[in-house]
Amino acid sequence: MDGDDWTSPTEREKTATVGAVMERPMTVREYAITWMKRSTRLRPTTRDQYERHLRLRIIPGLGKVPLIELNRERVLTWWNSLRPFERADL
């Protein structure tokens, strides 16, 4: 009870459950973008190359994958989906 406002424990629990926002896991795309922003010591040519690989291959194939679901099997499946010339470029 707070002042004249009283809420039953059951109602408080419902409100807390409904109001709670479950934090969703970070995706590969979000992680890559964050990492690139924080990587201040990359040479410009290296940064350009990383951004190109991310834009053309990594984000389209793995970008939506939550980091907690990224595993060897998923990476190998993605890798095998690339054409040989795309793999040689990575």
PDB file of N, CA and C in Angstrom:
ATOM      1  N   MET A   1       0.848  -1.173   0.000  1.00  0.00           N
ATOM      2  CA  MET A   1       0.000   0.000   0.000  1.00  0.00           C
ATOM      3  C   MET A   1       0.895   1.239   0.000  1.00  0.00           C
ATOM      4  N   ASP A   2       0.616   2.130  -0.918  1.00  0.00           N
ATOM      5  CA  ASP A   2       1.405   3.352  -1.019  1.00  0.00           C
ATOM      6  C   ASP A   2       0.416   4.516  -1.018  1.00  0.00           C
ATOM      7  N   GLY A   3       0.348   5.212   0.088  1.00  0.00           N
ATOM      8  CA  GLY A   3      -0.648   6.282   0.202  1.00  0.00           C
ATOM      9  C   GLY A   3      -2.035   5.685   0.153  1.00  0.00           C
ATOM     10  N   ASP A   4      -2.884   6.213  -0.709  1.00  0.00           N
ATOM     11  CA  ASP A   4      -4.241   5.697  -0.846  1.00  0.00           C
ATOM     12  C   ASP A   4      -4.358   4.671  -1.962  1.00  0.00           C
ATOM     13  N   ASP A   5      -3.259   4.396  -2.658  1.00  0.00           N
ATOM     14  CA  ASP A   5      -3.292   3.439  -3.769  1.00  0.00           C
ATOM     15  C   ASP A   5      -2.865   2.067  -3.274  1.00  0.00           C
ATOM     16  N   TRP A   6      -3.761   1.110  -3.450  1.00  0.00           N
ATOM     17  CA  TRP A   6      -3.432  -0.258  -3.060  1.00  0.00           C
ATOM     18  C   TRP A   6      -3.680  -1.171  -4.243  1.00  0.00           C
ATOM     19  N   THR A   7      -2.711  -2.037  -4.485  1.00  0.00           N
ATOM     20  CA  THR A   7      -2.838  -3.019  -5.555  1.00  0.00           C
ATOM     21  C   THR A   7      -2.551  -4.376  -4.957  1.00  0.00           C
ATOM     22  N   SER A   8      -3.388  -5.337  -5.288  1.00  0.00           N
ATOM     23  CA  SER A   8      -3.194  -6.676  -4.742  1.00  0.00           C
ATOM     24  C   SER A   8      -1.899  -7.272  -5.298  1.00  0.00           C
ATOM     25  N   PRO A   9      -1.274  -8.172  -4.563  1.00  0.00           N
ATOM     26  CA  PRO A   9      -0.057  -8.827  -5.047  1.00  0.00           C
ATOM     27  C   PRO A   9      -0.256  -9.512  -6.392  1.00  0.00           C
ATOM     28  N   THR A  10      -1.416 -10.109  -6.592  1.00  0.00           N
ATOM     29  CA  THR A  10      -1.705 -10.778  -7.864  1.00  0.00           C
ATOM     30  C   THR A  10      -1.703  -9.768  -9.003  1.00  0.00           C
ATOM     31  N   GLU A  11      -2.333  -8.618  -8.791  1.00  0.00           N
ATOM     32  CA  GLU A  11      -2.386  -7.567  -9.818  1.00  0.00           C
ATOM     33  C   GLU A  11      -1.002  -6.990 -10.076  1.00  0.00           C
ATOM     34  N   ARG A  12      -0.214  -6.801  -9.026  1.00  0.00           N
ATOM     35  CA  ARG A  12       1.161  -6.294  -9.201  1.00  0.00           C
ATOM     36  C   ARG A  12       1.989  -7.271 -10.016  1.00  0.00           C
ATOM     37  N   GLU A  13       1.822  -8.557  -9.764  1.00  0.00           N
ATOM     38  CA  GLU A  13       2.564  -9.579 -10.504  1.00  0.00           C
ATOM     39  C   GLU A  13       2.178  -9.577 -11.979  1.00  0.00           C
ATOM     40  N   LYS A  14       0.862  -9.444 -12.248  1.00  0.00           N
ATOM     41  CA  LYS A  14       0.396  -9.387 -13.645  1.00  0.00           C
ATOM     42  C   LYS A  14       0.997  -8.189 -14.360  1.00  0.00           C
ATOM     43  N   THR A  15       0.960  -7.042 -13.708  1.00  0.00           N
ATOM     44  CA  THR A  15       1.485  -5.816 -14.302  1.00  0.00           C
ATOM     45  C   THR A  15       2.982  -5.942 -14.552  1.00  0.00           C
ATOM     46  N   ALA A  16       3.691  -6.515 -13.613  1.00  0.00           N
ATOM     47  CA  ALA A  16       5.137  -6.681 -13.777  1.00  0.00           C
ATOM     48  C   ALA A  16       5.446  -7.606 -14.943  1.00  0.00           C
ATOM     49  N   THR A  17       4.664  -8.656 -15.089  1.00  0.00           N
ATOM     50  CA  THR A  17       4.879  -9.609 -16.180  1.00  0.00           C
ATOM     51  C   THR A  17       4.569  -8.979 -17.524  1.00  0.00           C
ATOM     52  N   VAL A  18       3.461  -8.250 -17.606  1.00  0.00           N
ATOM     53  CA  VAL A  18       3.064  -7.610 -18.852  1.00  0.00           C
ATOM     54  C   VAL A  18       4.024  -6.474 -19.185  1.00  0.00           C
ATOM     55  N   GLY A  19       4.435  -5.720 -18.174  1.00  0.00           N
ATOM     56  CA  GLY A  19       5.302  -4.567 -18.396  1.00  0.00           C
ATOM     57  C   GLY A  19       6.753  -4.927 -18.636  1.00  0.00           C
ATOM     58  N   ALA A  20       7.128  -6.108 -18.268  1.00  0.00           N
ATOM     59  CA  ALA A  20       8.535  -6.501 -18.439  1.00  0.00           C
ATOM     60  C   ALA A  20       8.823  -6.743 -19.910  1.00  0.00           C
ATOM     61  N   VAL A  21       9.863  -6.139 -20.376  1.00  0.00           N
ATOM     62  CA  VAL A  21      10.277  -6.337 -21.763  1.00  0.00           C
ATOM     63  C   VAL A  21      11.448  -7.306 -21.743  1.00  0.00           C
ATOM     64  N   MET A  22      11.244  -8.422 -22.409  1.00  0.00           N
ATOM     65  CA  MET A  22      12.324  -9.397 -22.468  1.00  0.00           C
ATOM     66  C   MET A  22      13.380  -8.910 -23.430  1.00  0.00           C
ATOM     67  N   GLU A  23      14.588  -8.841 -22.959  1.00  0.00           N
ATOM     68  CA  GLU A  23      15.675  -8.394 -23.822  1.00  0.00           C
ATOM     69  C   GLU A  23      15.972  -9.484 -24.834  1.00  0.00           C
ATOM     70  N   ARG A  24      15.961  -9.111 -26.112  1.00  0.00           N
ATOM     71  CA  ARG A  24      16.230 -10.095 -27.147  1.00  0.00           C
ATOM     72  C   ARG A  24      17.735 -10.171 -27.364  1.00  0.00           C
ATOM     73  N   PRO A  25      18.191 -11.332 -27.775  1.00  0.00           N
ATOM     74  CA  PRO A  25      19.625 -11.503 -27.963  1.00  0.00           C
ATOM     75  C   PRO A  25      20.148 -10.694 -29.150  1.00  0.00           C
ATOM     76  N   MET A  26      21.391 -10.287 -29.062  1.00  0.00           N
ATOM     77  CA  MET A  26      22.041  -9.538 -30.126  1.00  0.00           C
ATOM     78  C   MET A  26      22.267 -10.436 -31.336  1.00  0.00           C
ATOM     79  N   THR A  27      22.031  -9.889 -32.515  1.00  0.00           N
ATOM     80  CA  THR A  27      22.232 -10.654 -33.739  1.00  0.00           C
ATOM     81  C   THR A  27      23.662 -10.471 -34.260  1.00  0.00           C
ATOM     82  N   VAL A  28      24.030 -11.303 -35.212  1.00  0.00           N
ATOM     83  CA  VAL A  28      25.346 -11.196 -35.841  1.00  0.00           C
ATOM     84  C   VAL A  28      25.491  -9.809 -36.467  1.00  0.00           C
ATOM     85  N   ARG A  29      24.447  -9.336 -37.138  1.00  0.00           N
ATOM     86  CA  ARG A  29      24.479  -8.012 -37.769  1.00  0.00           C
ATOM     87  C   ARG A  29      24.742  -6.917 -36.735  1.00  0.00           C
ATOM     88  N   GLU A  30      23.990  -6.935 -35.653  1.00  0.00           N
ATOM     89  CA  GLU A  30      24.155  -5.917 -34.615  1.00  0.00           C
ATOM     90  C   GLU A  30      25.558  -5.958 -34.020  1.00  0.00           C
ATOM     91  N   TYR A  31      26.040  -7.165 -33.774  1.00  0.00           N
ATOM     92  CA  TYR A  31      27.382  -7.305 -33.221  1.00  0.00           C
ATOM     93  C   TYR A  31      28.426  -6.763 -34.194  1.00  0.00           C
ATOM     94  N   ALA A  32      28.300  -7.118 -35.468  1.00  0.00           N
ATOM     95  CA  ALA A  32      29.274  -6.685 -36.473  1.00  0.00           C
ATOM     96  C   ALA A  32      29.298  -5.165 -36.598  1.00  0.00           C
ATOM     97  N   ILE A  33      28.120  -4.552 -36.625  1.00  0.00           N
ATOM     98  CA  ILE A  33      28.054  -3.095 -36.728  1.00  0.00           C
ATOM     99  C   ILE A  33      28.684  -2.436 -35.508  1.00  0.00           C
ATOM    100  N   THR A  34      28.365  -2.951 -34.331  1.00  0.00           N
ATOM    101  CA  THR A  34      28.943  -2.418 -33.095  1.00  0.00           C
ATOM    102  C   THR A  34      30.460  -2.579 -33.094  1.00  0.00           C
ATOM    103  N   TRP A  35      30.926  -3.749 -33.501  1.00  0.00           N
ATOM    104  CA  TRP A  35      32.365  -4.014 -33.526  1.00  0.00           C
ATOM    105  C   TRP A  35      33.071  -3.060 -34.495  1.00  0.00           C
ATOM    106  N   MET A  36      32.482  -2.855 -35.666  1.00  0.00           N
ATOM    107  CA  MET A  36      33.094  -1.952 -36.646  1.00  0.00           C
ATOM    108  C   MET A  36      33.161  -0.520 -36.110  1.00  0.00           C
ATOM    109  N   LYS A  37      32.137  -0.071 -35.422  1.00  0.00           N
ATOM    110  CA  LYS A  37      32.140   1.284 -34.861  1.00  0.00           C
ATOM    111  C   LYS A  37      33.214   1.447 -33.797  1.00  0.00           C
ATOM    112  N   ARG A  38      33.441   0.402 -33.030  1.00  0.00           N
ATOM    113  CA  ARG A  38      34.411   0.472 -31.934  1.00  0.00           C
ATOM    114  C   ARG A  38      35.845   0.197 -32.383  1.00  0.00           C
ATOM    115  N   SER A  39      35.998  -0.324 -33.581  1.00  0.00           N
ATOM    116  CA  SER A  39      37.334  -0.667 -34.084  1.00  0.00           C
ATOM    117  C   SER A  39      37.960   0.561 -34.733  1.00  0.00           C
ATOM    118  N   THR A  40      38.582   1.359 -33.916  1.00  0.00           N
ATOM    119  CA  THR A  40      39.131   2.623 -34.391  1.00  0.00           C
ATOM    120  C   THR A  40      40.557   2.490 -34.934  1.00  0.00           C
ATOM    121  N   ARG A  41      41.177   1.350 -34.746  1.00  0.00           N
ATOM    122  CA  ARG A  41      42.571   1.203 -35.156  1.00  0.00           C
ATOM    123  C   ARG A  41      42.746   0.476 -36.490  1.00  0.00           C
ATOM    124  N   LEU A  42      41.653   0.271 -37.216  1.00  0.00           N
ATOM    125  CA  LEU A  42      41.747  -0.393 -38.516  1.00  0.00           C
ATOM    126  C   LEU A  42      42.241   0.591 -39.569  1.00  0.00           C
ATOM    127  N   ARG A  43      43.099   0.112 -40.435  1.00  0.00           N
ATOM    128  CA  ARG A  43      43.518   0.936 -41.563  1.00  0.00           C
ATOM    129  C   ARG A  43      42.308   1.126 -42.479  1.00  0.00           C
ATOM    130  N   PRO A  44      42.248   2.221 -43.197  1.00  0.00           N
ATOM    131  CA  PRO A  44      41.098   2.473 -44.077  1.00  0.00           C
ATOM    132  C   PRO A  44      40.844   1.352 -45.084  1.00  0.00           C
ATOM    133  N   THR A  45      41.888   0.791 -45.655  1.00  0.00           N
ATOM    134  CA  THR A  45      41.686  -0.287 -46.638  1.00  0.00           C
ATOM    135  C   THR A  45      41.132  -1.541 -45.967  1.00  0.00           C
ATOM    136  N   THR A  46      41.580  -1.818 -44.767  1.00  0.00           N
ATOM    137  CA  THR A  46      41.079  -2.975 -44.022  1.00  0.00           C
ATOM    138  C   THR A  46      39.614  -2.758 -43.659  1.00  0.00           C
ATOM    139  N   ARG A  47      39.295  -1.571 -43.181  1.00  0.00           N
ATOM    140  CA  ARG A  47      37.907  -1.234 -42.825  1.00  0.00           C
ATOM    141  C   ARG A  47      37.000  -1.396 -44.047  1.00  0.00           C
ATOM    142  N   ASP A  48      37.430  -0.872 -45.183  1.00  0.00           N
ATOM    143  CA  ASP A  48      36.629  -0.997 -46.409  1.00  0.00           C
ATOM    144  C   ASP A  48      36.391  -2.452 -46.775  1.00  0.00           C
ATOM    145  N   GLN A  49      37.436  -3.254 -46.668  1.00  0.00           N
ATOM    146  CA  GLN A  49      37.314  -4.675 -47.011  1.00  0.00           C
ATOM    147  C   GLN A  49      36.363  -5.395 -46.040  1.00  0.00           C
ATOM    148  N   TYR A  50      36.499  -5.130 -44.758  1.00  0.00           N
ATOM    149  CA  TYR A  50      35.607  -5.745 -43.766  1.00  0.00           C
ATOM    150  C   TYR A  50      34.156  -5.337 -44.032  1.00  0.00           C
ATOM    151  N   GLU A  51      33.932  -4.049 -44.279  1.00  0.00           N
ATOM    152  CA  GLU A  51      32.575  -3.571 -44.524  1.00  0.00           C
ATOM    153  C   GLU A  51      31.984  -4.224 -45.779  1.00  0.00           C
ATOM    154  N   ARG A  52      32.804  -4.408 -46.791  1.00  0.00           N
ATOM    155  CA  ARG A  52      32.355  -5.051 -48.030  1.00  0.00           C
ATOM    156  C   ARG A  52      31.950  -6.504 -47.771  1.00  0.00           C
ATOM    157  N   HIS A  53      32.800  -7.245 -47.050  1.00  0.00           N
ATOM    158  CA  HIS A  53      32.474  -8.639 -46.727  1.00  0.00           C
ATOM    159  C   HIS A  53      31.191  -8.723 -45.908  1.00  0.00           C
ATOM    160  N   LEU A  54      31.062  -7.835 -44.940  1.00  0.00           N
ATOM    161  CA  LEU A  54      29.844  -7.826 -44.124  1.00  0.00           C
ATOM    162  C   LEU A  54      28.615  -7.538 -44.984  1.00  0.00           C
ATOM    163  N   ARG A  55      28.686  -6.511 -45.799  1.00  0.00           N
ATOM    164  CA  ARG A  55      27.549  -6.078 -46.610  1.00  0.00           C
ATOM    165  C   ARG A  55      27.136  -7.117 -47.656  1.00  0.00           C
ATOM    166  N   LEU A  56      28.125  -7.722 -48.310  1.00  0.00           N
ATOM    167  CA  LEU A  56      27.816  -8.610 -49.434  1.00  0.00           C
ATOM    168  C   LEU A  56      27.587 -10.065 -49.052  1.00  0.00           C
ATOM    169  N   ARG A  57      28.213 -10.531 -47.992  1.00  0.00           N
ATOM    170  CA  ARG A  57      28.150 -11.967 -47.707  1.00  0.00           C
ATOM    171  C   ARG A  57      27.702 -12.325 -46.291  1.00  0.00           C
ATOM    172  N   ILE A  58      28.326 -11.725 -45.323  1.00  0.00           N
ATOM    173  CA  ILE A  58      28.081 -12.151 -43.938  1.00  0.00           C
ATOM    174  C   ILE A  58      26.698 -11.731 -43.449  1.00  0.00           C
ATOM    175  N   ILE A  59      26.359 -10.465 -43.578  1.00  0.00           N
ATOM    176  CA  ILE A  59      25.061 -10.002 -43.085  1.00  0.00           C
ATOM    177  C   ILE A  59      23.894 -10.630 -43.856  1.00  0.00           C
ATOM    178  N   PRO A  60      23.967 -10.726 -45.196  1.00  0.00           N
ATOM    179  CA  PRO A  60      22.843 -11.398 -45.876  1.00  0.00           C
ATOM    180  C   PRO A  60      22.658 -12.858 -45.446  1.00  0.00           C
ATOM    181  N   GLY A  61      23.743 -13.546 -45.141  1.00  0.00           N
ATOM    182  CA  GLY A  61      23.643 -14.959 -44.793  1.00  0.00           C
ATOM    183  C   GLY A  61      23.459 -15.253 -43.318  1.00  0.00           C
ATOM    184  N   LEU A  62      24.059 -14.427 -42.470  1.00  0.00           N
ATOM    185  CA  LEU A  62      24.039 -14.708 -41.037  1.00  0.00           C
ATOM    186  C   LEU A  62      23.534 -13.542 -40.187  1.00  0.00           C
ATOM    187  N   GLY A  63      23.239 -12.432 -40.793  1.00  0.00           N
ATOM    188  CA  GLY A  63      22.909 -11.213 -40.060  1.00  0.00           C
ATOM    189  C   GLY A  63      21.789 -11.321 -39.060  1.00  0.00           C
ATOM    190  N   LYS A  64      20.762 -12.095 -39.361  1.00  0.00           N
ATOM    191  CA  LYS A  64      19.601 -12.199 -38.462  1.00  0.00           C
ATOM    192  C   LYS A  64      19.776 -13.254 -37.371  1.00  0.00           C
ATOM    193  N   VAL A  65      20.858 -13.991 -37.424  1.00  0.00           N
ATOM    194  CA  VAL A  65      21.085 -15.064 -36.454  1.00  0.00           C
ATOM    195  C   VAL A  65      21.485 -14.464 -35.106  1.00  0.00           C
ATOM    196  N   PRO A  66      20.773 -14.818 -34.036  1.00  0.00           N
ATOM    197  CA  PRO A  66      21.200 -14.371 -32.705  1.00  0.00           C
ATOM    198  C   PRO A  66      22.567 -14.976 -32.383  1.00  0.00           C
ATOM    199  N   LEU A  67      23.438 -14.201 -31.762  1.00  0.00           N
ATOM    200  CA  LEU A  67      24.776 -14.693 -31.439  1.00  0.00           C
ATOM    201  C   LEU A  67      24.737 -15.985 -30.628  1.00  0.00           C
ATOM    202  N   ILE A  68      23.749 -16.105 -29.759  1.00  0.00           N
ATOM    203  CA  ILE A  68      23.676 -17.308 -28.930  1.00  0.00           C
ATOM    204  C   ILE A  68      23.347 -18.554 -29.749  1.00  0.00           C
ATOM    205  N   GLU A  69      22.846 -18.355 -30.987  1.00  0.00           N
ATOM    206  CA  GLU A  69      22.534 -19.487 -31.858  1.00  0.00           C
ATOM    207  C   GLU A  69      23.609 -19.723 -32.918  1.00  0.00           C
ATOM    208  N   LEU A  70      24.633 -18.895 -32.912  1.00  0.00           N
ATOM    209  CA  LEU A  70      25.698 -19.048 -33.893  1.00  0.00           C
ATOM    210  C   LEU A  70      26.631 -20.172 -33.439  1.00  0.00           C
ATOM    211  N   ASN A  71      26.728 -21.186 -34.263  1.00  0.00           N
ATOM    212  CA  ASN A  71      27.576 -22.317 -33.921  1.00  0.00           C
ATOM    213  C   ASN A  71      28.307 -22.804 -35.179  1.00  0.00           C
ATOM    214  N   ARG A  72      29.151 -23.782 -34.994  1.00  0.00           N
ATOM    215  CA  ARG A  72      29.962 -24.299 -36.095  1.00  0.00           C
ATOM    216  C   ARG A  72      29.097 -24.790 -37.260  1.00  0.00           C
ATOM    217  N   GLU A  73      28.061 -25.523 -36.946  1.00  0.00           N
ATOM    218  CA  GLU A  73      27.182 -26.082 -37.984  1.00  0.00           C
ATOM    219  C   GLU A  73      26.533 -24.973 -38.815  1.00  0.00           C
ATOM    220  N   ARG A  74      26.058 -23.947 -38.134  1.00  0.00           N
ATOM    221  CA  ARG A  74      25.399 -22.842 -38.844  1.00  0.00           C
ATOM    222  C   ARG A  74      26.391 -22.098 -39.742  1.00  0.00           C
ATOM    223  N   VAL A  75      27.597 -21.879 -39.246  1.00  0.00           N
ATOM    224  CA  VAL A  75      28.621 -21.196 -40.041  1.00  0.00           C
ATOM    225  C   VAL A  75      29.016 -22.054 -41.238  1.00  0.00           C
ATOM    226  N   LEU A  76      29.173 -23.358 -41.030  1.00  0.00           N
ATOM    227  CA  LEU A  76      29.522 -24.243 -42.146  1.00  0.00           C
ATOM    228  C   LEU A  76      28.416 -24.290 -43.199  1.00  0.00           C
ATOM    229  N   THR A  77      27.175 -24.287 -42.767  1.00  0.00           N
ATOM    230  CA  THR A  77      26.059 -24.261 -43.710  1.00  0.00           C
ATOM    231  C   THR A  77      26.107 -22.986 -44.538  1.00  0.00           C
ATOM    232  N   TRP A  78      26.332 -21.866 -43.871  1.00  0.00           N
ATOM    233  CA  TRP A  78      26.457 -20.592 -44.582  1.00  0.00           C
ATOM    234  C   TRP A  78      27.651 -20.631 -45.541  1.00  0.00           C
ATOM    235  N   TRP A  79      28.788 -21.079 -45.052  1.00  0.00           N
ATOM    236  CA  TRP A  79      30.009 -21.139 -45.858  1.00  0.00           C
ATOM    237  C   TRP A  79      29.795 -21.983 -47.118  1.00  0.00           C
ATOM    238  N   ASN A  80      29.167 -23.135 -46.953  1.00  0.00           N
ATOM    239  CA  ASN A  80      28.918 -24.030 -48.085  1.00  0.00           C
ATOM    240  C   ASN A  80      27.891 -23.467 -49.065  1.00  0.00           C
ATOM    241  N   SER A  81      27.097 -22.505 -48.630  1.00  0.00           N
ATOM    242  CA  SER A  81      26.124 -21.882 -49.523  1.00  0.00           C
ATOM    243  C   SER A  81      26.768 -20.835 -50.437  1.00  0.00           C
ATOM    244  N   LEU A  82      27.978 -20.417 -50.077  1.00  0.00           N
ATOM    245  CA  LEU A  82      28.681 -19.432 -50.905  1.00  0.00           C
ATOM    246  C   LEU A  82      29.255 -20.099 -52.144  1.00  0.00           C
ATOM    247  N   ARG A  83      29.328 -19.339 -53.211  1.00  0.00           N
ATOM    248  CA  ARG A  83      29.967 -19.848 -54.428  1.00  0.00           C
ATOM    249  C   ARG A  83      31.476 -19.834 -54.231  1.00  0.00           C
ATOM    250  N   PRO A  84      32.206 -20.684 -54.941  1.00  0.00           N
ATOM    251  CA  PRO A  84      33.663 -20.756 -54.750  1.00  0.00           C
ATOM    252  C   PRO A  84      34.376 -19.406 -54.840  1.00  0.00           C
ATOM    253  N   PHE A  85      33.989 -18.566 -55.790  1.00  0.00           N
ATOM    254  CA  PHE A  85      34.664 -17.264 -55.905  1.00  0.00           C
ATOM    255  C   PHE A  85      34.361 -16.357 -54.715  1.00  0.00           C
ATOM    256  N   GLU A  86      33.186 -16.536 -54.096  1.00  0.00           N
ATOM    257  CA  GLU A  86      32.854 -15.751 -52.914  1.00  0.00           C
ATOM    258  C   GLU A  86      33.700 -16.206 -51.720  1.00  0.00           C
ATOM    259  N   ARG A  87      33.927 -17.492 -51.610  1.00  0.00           N
ATOM    260  CA  ARG A  87      34.761 -18.015 -50.525  1.00  0.00           C
ATOM    261  C   ARG A  87      36.193 -17.552 -50.669  1.00  0.00           C
ATOM    262  N   ALA A  88      36.693 -17.552 -51.904  1.00  0.00           N
ATOM    263  CA  ALA A  88      38.081 -17.159 -52.147  1.00  0.00           C
ATOM    264  C   ALA A  88      38.303 -15.700 -51.774  1.00  0.00           C
ATOM    265  N   ASP A  89      37.238 -14.917 -51.853  1.00  0.00           N
ATOM    266  CA  ASP A  89      37.329 -13.479 -51.554  1.00  0.00           C
ATOM    267  C   ASP A  89      37.333 -13.205 -50.063  1.00  0.00           C
ATOM    268  N   LEU A  90      36.937 -14.170 -49.250  1.00  0.00           N
ATOM    269  CA  LEU A  90      36.876 -13.951 -47.797  1.00  0.00           C
ATOM    270  C   LEU A  90      38.175 -14.287 -47.111  1.00  0.00           C
TER     271      LEU A  90
END
